[in-house]
Amino acid sequence: MGNLSSEFDWEVDREEVFNFLARGWDVSKAKQLIIDKPREVLDANLSGVANFVQRPKEGQIIAGITIDWSDIDESDEYDCDFPGILITTSEGTFPIDGWHRFAKGLDEGRTVFPCVILDEAETKEVTFR
């Protein structure tokens, strides 16, 4: 993509966490790390997370990330060009921030999104369980 993370306004004025299954990450701390150590914004193919955020058909329950689709449909606040945050795990990378933007973009047929990646040490620093 060619942009640096310092070109974006990473809001850290409120506490923000992401919980998935039995794990938790401090997104506010992740954003502060990105502010303190700017990095390249990379294009990431996130088609693999589509099953976690797909728009349910009427009456269908989706096991995955809770997405308020009415909010996405009624709001312009979800900018798919704002980078998501990925952590580094032994299996690869995993998003901890940007799920609503990813859901919106994936629903519109997009699979590649701008992202910044925390390295393994940073991932351990923001993991709280």
N, C-alpha and C. Protein backbone atom coordinates (compact mmCIF):
# COMPACT_ATOMS: atom_id res chain seq x y z
N MET A 1 0.83 -1.20 0.00
CA MET A 1 0.00 0.00 0.00
C MET A 1 0.86 1.24 0.00
N GLY A 2 2.00 1.19 0.73
CA GLY A 2 2.93 2.30 0.70
C GLY A 2 2.74 3.35 1.78
N ASN A 3 1.63 3.33 2.51
CA ASN A 3 1.41 4.29 3.58
C ASN A 3 2.10 3.83 4.86
N LEU A 4 2.33 4.80 5.74
CA LEU A 4 2.82 4.48 7.07
C LEU A 4 1.69 4.64 8.06
N SER A 5 1.75 3.87 9.12
CA SER A 5 0.70 3.94 10.14
C SER A 5 0.58 5.33 10.75
N SER A 6 1.65 6.12 10.72
CA SER A 6 1.62 7.47 11.29
C SER A 6 0.74 8.42 10.49
N GLU A 7 0.31 8.03 9.31
CA GLU A 7 -0.57 8.86 8.49
C GLU A 7 -2.04 8.76 8.91
N PHE A 8 -2.33 7.92 9.91
CA PHE A 8 -3.71 7.69 10.35
C PHE A 8 -3.89 8.14 11.79
N ASP A 9 -5.12 8.51 12.14
CA ASP A 9 -5.45 8.97 13.49
C ASP A 9 -5.91 7.77 14.32
N TRP A 10 -4.98 7.21 15.10
CA TRP A 10 -5.28 6.05 15.95
C TRP A 10 -5.85 6.55 17.26
N GLU A 11 -7.14 6.50 17.42
CA GLU A 11 -7.81 7.02 18.61
C GLU A 11 -7.49 6.14 19.82
N VAL A 12 -6.86 6.75 20.82
CA VAL A 12 -6.51 6.01 22.03
C VAL A 12 -7.11 6.68 23.26
N ASP A 13 -8.14 7.47 23.06
CA ASP A 13 -8.73 8.22 24.16
C ASP A 13 -9.75 7.41 24.97
N ARG A 14 -9.97 6.16 24.59
CA ARG A 14 -10.89 5.31 25.35
C ARG A 14 -10.33 3.90 25.43
N GLU A 15 -10.70 3.20 26.50
CA GLU A 15 -10.25 1.83 26.66
C GLU A 15 -10.97 0.94 25.66
N GLU A 16 -10.21 0.12 24.97
CA GLU A 16 -10.78 -0.77 23.96
C GLU A 16 -10.09 -2.12 24.03
N VAL A 17 -10.89 -3.17 24.11
CA VAL A 17 -10.35 -4.52 24.13
C VAL A 17 -11.09 -5.37 23.10
N PHE A 18 -10.47 -6.48 22.72
CA PHE A 18 -11.11 -7.45 21.84
C PHE A 18 -11.00 -8.81 22.50
N ASN A 19 -12.13 -9.48 22.65
CA ASN A 19 -12.19 -10.81 23.23
C ASN A 19 -12.66 -11.79 22.17
N PHE A 20 -11.98 -12.91 22.09
CA PHE A 20 -12.39 -13.96 21.16
C PHE A 20 -12.11 -15.30 21.82
N LEU A 21 -13.16 -16.09 21.97
CA LEU A 21 -13.08 -17.35 22.69
C LEU A 21 -12.51 -17.05 24.08
N ALA A 22 -11.47 -17.72 24.50
CA ALA A 22 -10.94 -17.51 25.84
C ALA A 22 -9.77 -16.52 25.86
N ARG A 23 -9.54 -15.82 24.77
CA ARG A 23 -8.39 -14.90 24.66
C ARG A 23 -8.85 -13.46 24.71
N GLY A 24 -7.96 -12.57 25.10
CA GLY A 24 -8.27 -11.15 25.13
C GLY A 24 -7.05 -10.32 24.77
N TRP A 25 -7.30 -9.20 24.08
CA TRP A 25 -6.23 -8.30 23.66
C TRP A 25 -6.60 -6.87 23.96
N ASP A 26 -5.62 -6.09 24.40
CA ASP A 26 -5.80 -4.68 24.71
C ASP A 26 -5.56 -3.89 23.43
N VAL A 27 -6.64 -3.53 22.74
CA VAL A 27 -6.54 -2.82 21.46
C VAL A 27 -6.00 -1.41 21.68
N SER A 28 -6.36 -0.77 22.78
CA SER A 28 -5.84 0.57 23.06
C SER A 28 -4.32 0.54 23.17
N LYS A 29 -3.78 -0.47 23.85
CA LYS A 29 -2.33 -0.61 23.98
C LYS A 29 -1.71 -0.90 22.61
N ALA A 30 -2.38 -1.71 21.80
CA ALA A 30 -1.88 -2.00 20.45
C ALA A 30 -1.80 -0.72 19.63
N LYS A 31 -2.82 0.11 19.72
CA LYS A 31 -2.82 1.39 18.98
C LYS A 31 -1.68 2.29 19.47
N GLN A 32 -1.44 2.30 20.78
CA GLN A 32 -0.35 3.12 21.31
C GLN A 32 1.00 2.61 20.81
N LEU A 33 1.18 1.30 20.73
CA LEU A 33 2.41 0.74 20.17
C LEU A 33 2.60 1.19 18.72
N ILE A 34 1.52 1.22 17.96
CA ILE A 34 1.57 1.63 16.55
C ILE A 34 1.91 3.11 16.44
N ILE A 35 1.39 3.92 17.36
CA ILE A 35 1.72 5.35 17.38
C ILE A 35 3.20 5.53 17.73
N ASP A 36 3.65 4.80 18.76
CA ASP A 36 5.04 4.94 19.24
C ASP A 36 6.06 4.41 18.25
N LYS A 37 5.67 3.39 17.48
CA LYS A 37 6.59 2.79 16.52
C LYS A 37 5.85 2.64 15.18
N PRO A 38 5.84 3.74 14.40
CA PRO A 38 5.15 3.67 13.11
C PRO A 38 5.69 2.54 12.24
N ARG A 39 4.80 2.00 11.44
CA ARG A 39 5.16 0.88 10.58
C ARG A 39 4.41 0.98 9.26
N GLU A 40 4.82 0.17 8.31
CA GLU A 40 4.18 0.16 7.01
C GLU A 40 2.78 -0.43 7.10
N VAL A 41 1.87 0.15 6.34
CA VAL A 41 0.53 -0.40 6.20
C VAL A 41 0.58 -1.35 5.01
N LEU A 42 0.23 -2.60 5.27
CA LEU A 42 0.30 -3.64 4.25
C LEU A 42 -1.09 -4.03 3.76
N ASP A 43 -1.18 -4.50 2.54
CA ASP A 43 -2.43 -5.04 2.02
C ASP A 43 -2.50 -6.51 2.43
N ALA A 44 -3.55 -6.86 3.17
CA ALA A 44 -3.71 -8.23 3.65
C ALA A 44 -4.97 -8.84 3.06
N ASN A 45 -4.83 -10.06 2.56
CA ASN A 45 -5.98 -10.79 2.06
C ASN A 45 -6.68 -11.42 3.26
N LEU A 46 -7.88 -10.94 3.55
CA LEU A 46 -8.60 -11.41 4.72
C LEU A 46 -9.82 -12.25 4.36
N SER A 47 -9.79 -12.86 3.19
CA SER A 47 -10.91 -13.71 2.81
C SER A 47 -11.12 -14.84 3.81
N GLY A 48 -10.06 -15.23 4.52
CA GLY A 48 -10.15 -16.30 5.50
C GLY A 48 -10.99 -15.96 6.72
N VAL A 49 -11.23 -14.68 6.98
CA VAL A 49 -12.06 -14.31 8.13
C VAL A 49 -13.53 -14.14 7.74
N ALA A 50 -13.85 -14.33 6.48
CA ALA A 50 -15.21 -14.11 6.00
C ALA A 50 -16.24 -14.95 6.77
N ASN A 51 -15.89 -16.18 7.10
CA ASN A 51 -16.84 -17.03 7.82
C ASN A 51 -17.16 -16.52 9.22
N PHE A 52 -16.27 -15.70 9.79
CA PHE A 52 -16.50 -15.14 11.12
C PHE A 52 -17.46 -13.95 11.10
N VAL A 53 -17.61 -13.29 9.95
CA VAL A 53 -18.35 -12.03 9.92
C VAL A 53 -19.43 -11.96 8.84
N GLN A 54 -19.77 -13.08 8.24
CA GLN A 54 -20.73 -13.03 7.14
C GLN A 54 -22.10 -12.54 7.61
N ARG A 55 -22.80 -11.91 6.69
CA ARG A 55 -24.14 -11.41 6.96
C ARG A 55 -25.08 -12.61 7.03
N PRO A 56 -25.76 -12.80 8.16
CA PRO A 56 -26.64 -13.97 8.27
C PRO A 56 -27.90 -13.80 7.42
N LYS A 57 -28.37 -14.88 6.92
CA LYS A 57 -29.65 -14.89 6.24
C LYS A 57 -30.73 -14.85 7.31
N GLU A 58 -31.94 -14.47 6.96
CA GLU A 58 -33.02 -14.33 7.94
C GLU A 58 -33.17 -15.61 8.76
N GLY A 59 -33.12 -15.45 10.08
CA GLY A 59 -33.29 -16.57 10.99
C GLY A 59 -32.02 -17.37 11.24
N GLN A 60 -30.96 -17.08 10.52
CA GLN A 60 -29.71 -17.82 10.65
C GLN A 60 -28.86 -17.23 11.77
N ILE A 61 -28.22 -18.09 12.54
CA ILE A 61 -27.30 -17.66 13.58
C ILE A 61 -25.89 -18.02 13.13
N ILE A 62 -25.00 -17.04 13.16
CA ILE A 62 -23.62 -17.23 12.74
C ILE A 62 -22.73 -17.31 13.98
N ALA A 63 -21.94 -18.35 14.08
CA ALA A 63 -20.96 -18.45 15.16
C ALA A 63 -19.72 -17.70 14.71
N GLY A 64 -19.36 -16.69 15.44
CA GLY A 64 -18.19 -15.91 15.07
C GLY A 64 -18.18 -14.59 15.80
N ILE A 65 -17.79 -13.55 15.12
CA ILE A 65 -17.71 -12.21 15.68
C ILE A 65 -19.10 -11.58 15.59
N THR A 66 -19.55 -10.95 16.67
CA THR A 66 -20.86 -10.30 16.66
C THR A 66 -20.78 -9.00 15.87
N ILE A 67 -21.53 -8.95 14.80
CA ILE A 67 -21.56 -7.77 13.94
C ILE A 67 -22.98 -7.20 13.95
N ASP A 68 -23.11 -5.93 14.24
CA ASP A 68 -24.41 -5.27 14.17
C ASP A 68 -24.59 -4.76 12.74
N TRP A 69 -25.21 -5.58 11.91
CA TRP A 69 -25.35 -5.23 10.50
C TRP A 69 -26.21 -4.01 10.27
N SER A 70 -27.20 -3.77 11.13
CA SER A 70 -28.03 -2.57 10.95
C SER A 70 -27.18 -1.32 11.14
N ASP A 71 -26.23 -1.38 12.06
CA ASP A 71 -25.32 -0.25 12.28
C ASP A 71 -24.43 -0.03 11.06
N ILE A 72 -23.91 -1.11 10.50
CA ILE A 72 -23.07 -0.99 9.31
C ILE A 72 -23.87 -0.42 8.14
N ASP A 73 -25.09 -0.91 7.97
CA ASP A 73 -25.93 -0.47 6.84
C ASP A 73 -26.34 0.99 6.96
N GLU A 74 -26.48 1.49 8.19
CA GLU A 74 -26.99 2.84 8.40
C GLU A 74 -25.90 3.87 8.65
N SER A 75 -24.66 3.47 8.74
CA SER A 75 -23.58 4.38 9.12
C SER A 75 -22.50 4.46 8.04
N ASP A 76 -21.92 5.65 7.93
CA ASP A 76 -20.78 5.85 7.03
C ASP A 76 -19.46 5.82 7.79
N GLU A 77 -19.50 5.48 9.09
CA GLU A 77 -18.30 5.57 9.92
C GLU A 77 -17.31 4.43 9.68
N TYR A 78 -17.70 3.40 8.97
CA TYR A 78 -16.81 2.26 8.76
C TYR A 78 -16.03 2.44 7.47
N ASP A 79 -14.82 2.96 7.60
CA ASP A 79 -13.95 3.27 6.47
C ASP A 79 -13.04 2.08 6.21
N CYS A 80 -13.32 1.35 5.15
CA CYS A 80 -12.55 0.14 4.82
C CYS A 80 -11.12 0.45 4.41
N ASP A 81 -10.77 1.72 4.27
CA ASP A 81 -9.40 2.09 3.94
C ASP A 81 -8.57 2.44 5.17
N PHE A 82 -9.22 2.41 6.35
CA PHE A 82 -8.48 2.62 7.61
C PHE A 82 -7.91 1.27 8.02
N PRO A 83 -6.62 1.21 8.36
CA PRO A 83 -5.98 -0.08 8.64
C PRO A 83 -6.57 -0.82 9.83
N GLY A 84 -6.67 -2.12 9.69
CA GLY A 84 -6.98 -2.99 10.81
C GLY A 84 -5.68 -3.36 11.49
N ILE A 85 -5.80 -3.99 12.65
CA ILE A 85 -4.62 -4.41 13.40
C ILE A 85 -4.60 -5.93 13.47
N LEU A 86 -3.47 -6.51 13.06
CA LEU A 86 -3.29 -7.95 13.11
C LEU A 86 -2.22 -8.28 14.14
N ILE A 87 -2.45 -9.35 14.90
CA ILE A 87 -1.42 -9.86 15.81
C ILE A 87 -0.72 -11.03 15.14
N THR A 88 0.46 -11.34 15.63
CA THR A 88 1.23 -12.46 15.10
C THR A 88 1.14 -13.63 16.08
N THR A 89 0.70 -14.78 15.55
CA THR A 89 0.60 -15.99 16.37
C THR A 89 1.45 -17.08 15.71
N SER A 90 1.53 -18.22 16.36
CA SER A 90 2.30 -19.33 15.77
C SER A 90 1.64 -19.84 14.50
N GLU A 91 0.34 -19.60 14.33
CA GLU A 91 -0.37 -20.04 13.13
C GLU A 91 -0.40 -18.98 12.02
N GLY A 92 0.07 -17.78 12.31
CA GLY A 92 0.02 -16.69 11.32
C GLY A 92 -0.45 -15.41 11.97
N THR A 93 -1.28 -14.67 11.27
CA THR A 93 -1.80 -13.42 11.83
C THR A 93 -3.30 -13.54 12.05
N PHE A 94 -3.81 -12.67 12.95
CA PHE A 94 -5.23 -12.69 13.30
C PHE A 94 -5.65 -11.27 13.65
N PRO A 95 -6.80 -10.82 13.15
CA PRO A 95 -7.26 -9.45 13.44
C PRO A 95 -7.73 -9.27 14.89
N ILE A 96 -7.33 -8.16 15.50
CA ILE A 96 -7.90 -7.78 16.80
C ILE A 96 -8.62 -6.44 16.71
N ASP A 97 -8.53 -5.78 15.59
CA ASP A 97 -9.22 -4.50 15.41
C ASP A 97 -9.55 -4.35 13.92
N GLY A 98 -10.78 -3.88 13.66
CA GLY A 98 -11.20 -3.65 12.28
C GLY A 98 -12.30 -4.58 11.80
N TRP A 99 -12.85 -5.40 12.68
CA TRP A 99 -13.82 -6.42 12.29
C TRP A 99 -15.04 -5.84 11.57
N HIS A 100 -15.58 -4.71 12.03
CA HIS A 100 -16.75 -4.12 11.36
C HIS A 100 -16.38 -3.62 9.96
N ARG A 101 -15.19 -3.03 9.83
CA ARG A 101 -14.72 -2.59 8.51
C ARG A 101 -14.53 -3.79 7.59
N PHE A 102 -13.95 -4.86 8.14
CA PHE A 102 -13.75 -6.08 7.33
C PHE A 102 -15.09 -6.66 6.92
N ALA A 103 -16.04 -6.70 7.84
CA ALA A 103 -17.38 -7.24 7.53
C ALA A 103 -18.02 -6.45 6.41
N LYS A 104 -17.95 -5.12 6.52
CA LYS A 104 -18.54 -4.27 5.49
C LYS A 104 -17.88 -4.53 4.14
N GLY A 105 -16.57 -4.52 4.11
CA GLY A 105 -15.85 -4.72 2.86
C GLY A 105 -16.07 -6.11 2.27
N LEU A 106 -16.02 -7.13 3.12
CA LEU A 106 -16.25 -8.50 2.64
C LEU A 106 -17.65 -8.65 2.09
N ASP A 107 -18.63 -8.00 2.74
CA ASP A 107 -20.01 -8.05 2.27
C ASP A 107 -20.15 -7.40 0.90
N GLU A 108 -19.29 -6.43 0.62
CA GLU A 108 -19.29 -5.73 -0.68
C GLU A 108 -18.39 -6.42 -1.71
N GLY A 109 -17.79 -7.56 -1.34
CA GLY A 109 -16.96 -8.31 -2.28
C GLY A 109 -15.47 -8.04 -2.20
N ARG A 110 -15.06 -7.22 -1.27
CA ARG A 110 -13.64 -6.90 -1.11
C ARG A 110 -12.97 -8.02 -0.29
N THR A 111 -11.72 -8.36 -0.60
CA THR A 111 -11.00 -9.36 0.19
C THR A 111 -9.67 -8.82 0.73
N VAL A 112 -9.16 -7.74 0.17
CA VAL A 112 -7.87 -7.18 0.57
C VAL A 112 -8.12 -5.89 1.34
N PHE A 113 -7.46 -5.79 2.51
CA PHE A 113 -7.65 -4.63 3.38
C PHE A 113 -6.30 -4.13 3.87
N PRO A 114 -6.19 -2.82 4.11
CA PRO A 114 -4.96 -2.30 4.70
C PRO A 114 -4.88 -2.74 6.17
N CYS A 115 -3.70 -3.17 6.58
CA CYS A 115 -3.51 -3.64 7.95
C CYS A 115 -2.10 -3.31 8.43
N VAL A 116 -1.96 -3.19 9.73
CA VAL A 116 -0.64 -3.13 10.35
C VAL A 116 -0.51 -4.38 11.20
N ILE A 117 0.71 -4.84 11.35
CA ILE A 117 0.95 -6.10 12.04
C ILE A 117 1.82 -5.87 13.27
N LEU A 118 1.36 -6.40 14.40
CA LEU A 118 2.18 -6.40 15.61
C LEU A 118 3.07 -7.64 15.56
N ASP A 119 4.34 -7.48 15.92
CA ASP A 119 5.23 -8.64 15.94
C ASP A 119 4.91 -9.51 17.17
N GLU A 120 5.61 -10.62 17.32
CA GLU A 120 5.31 -11.56 18.41
C GLU A 120 5.48 -10.93 19.78
N ALA A 121 6.53 -10.14 19.97
CA ALA A 121 6.74 -9.50 21.27
C ALA A 121 5.62 -8.50 21.57
N GLU A 122 5.23 -7.72 20.58
CA GLU A 122 4.12 -6.77 20.76
C GLU A 122 2.82 -7.51 21.02
N THR A 123 2.61 -8.63 20.33
CA THR A 123 1.41 -9.43 20.54
C THR A 123 1.34 -9.90 21.99
N LYS A 124 2.45 -10.38 22.53
CA LYS A 124 2.47 -10.81 23.94
C LYS A 124 2.17 -9.65 24.86
N GLU A 125 2.67 -8.47 24.50
CA GLU A 125 2.46 -7.28 25.34
C GLU A 125 0.99 -6.87 25.41
N VAL A 126 0.22 -7.09 24.35
CA VAL A 126 -1.18 -6.66 24.35
C VAL A 126 -2.16 -7.79 24.73
N THR A 127 -1.64 -9.02 24.87
CA THR A 127 -2.48 -10.16 25.24
C THR A 127 -2.67 -10.17 26.74
N PHE A 128 -3.93 -10.26 27.20
CA PHE A 128 -4.14 -10.29 28.65
C PHE A 128 -4.76 -11.60 29.14
N ARG A 129 -5.06 -12.53 28.28
CA ARG A 129 -5.43 -13.89 28.71
C ARG A 129 -5.31 -14.84 27.55
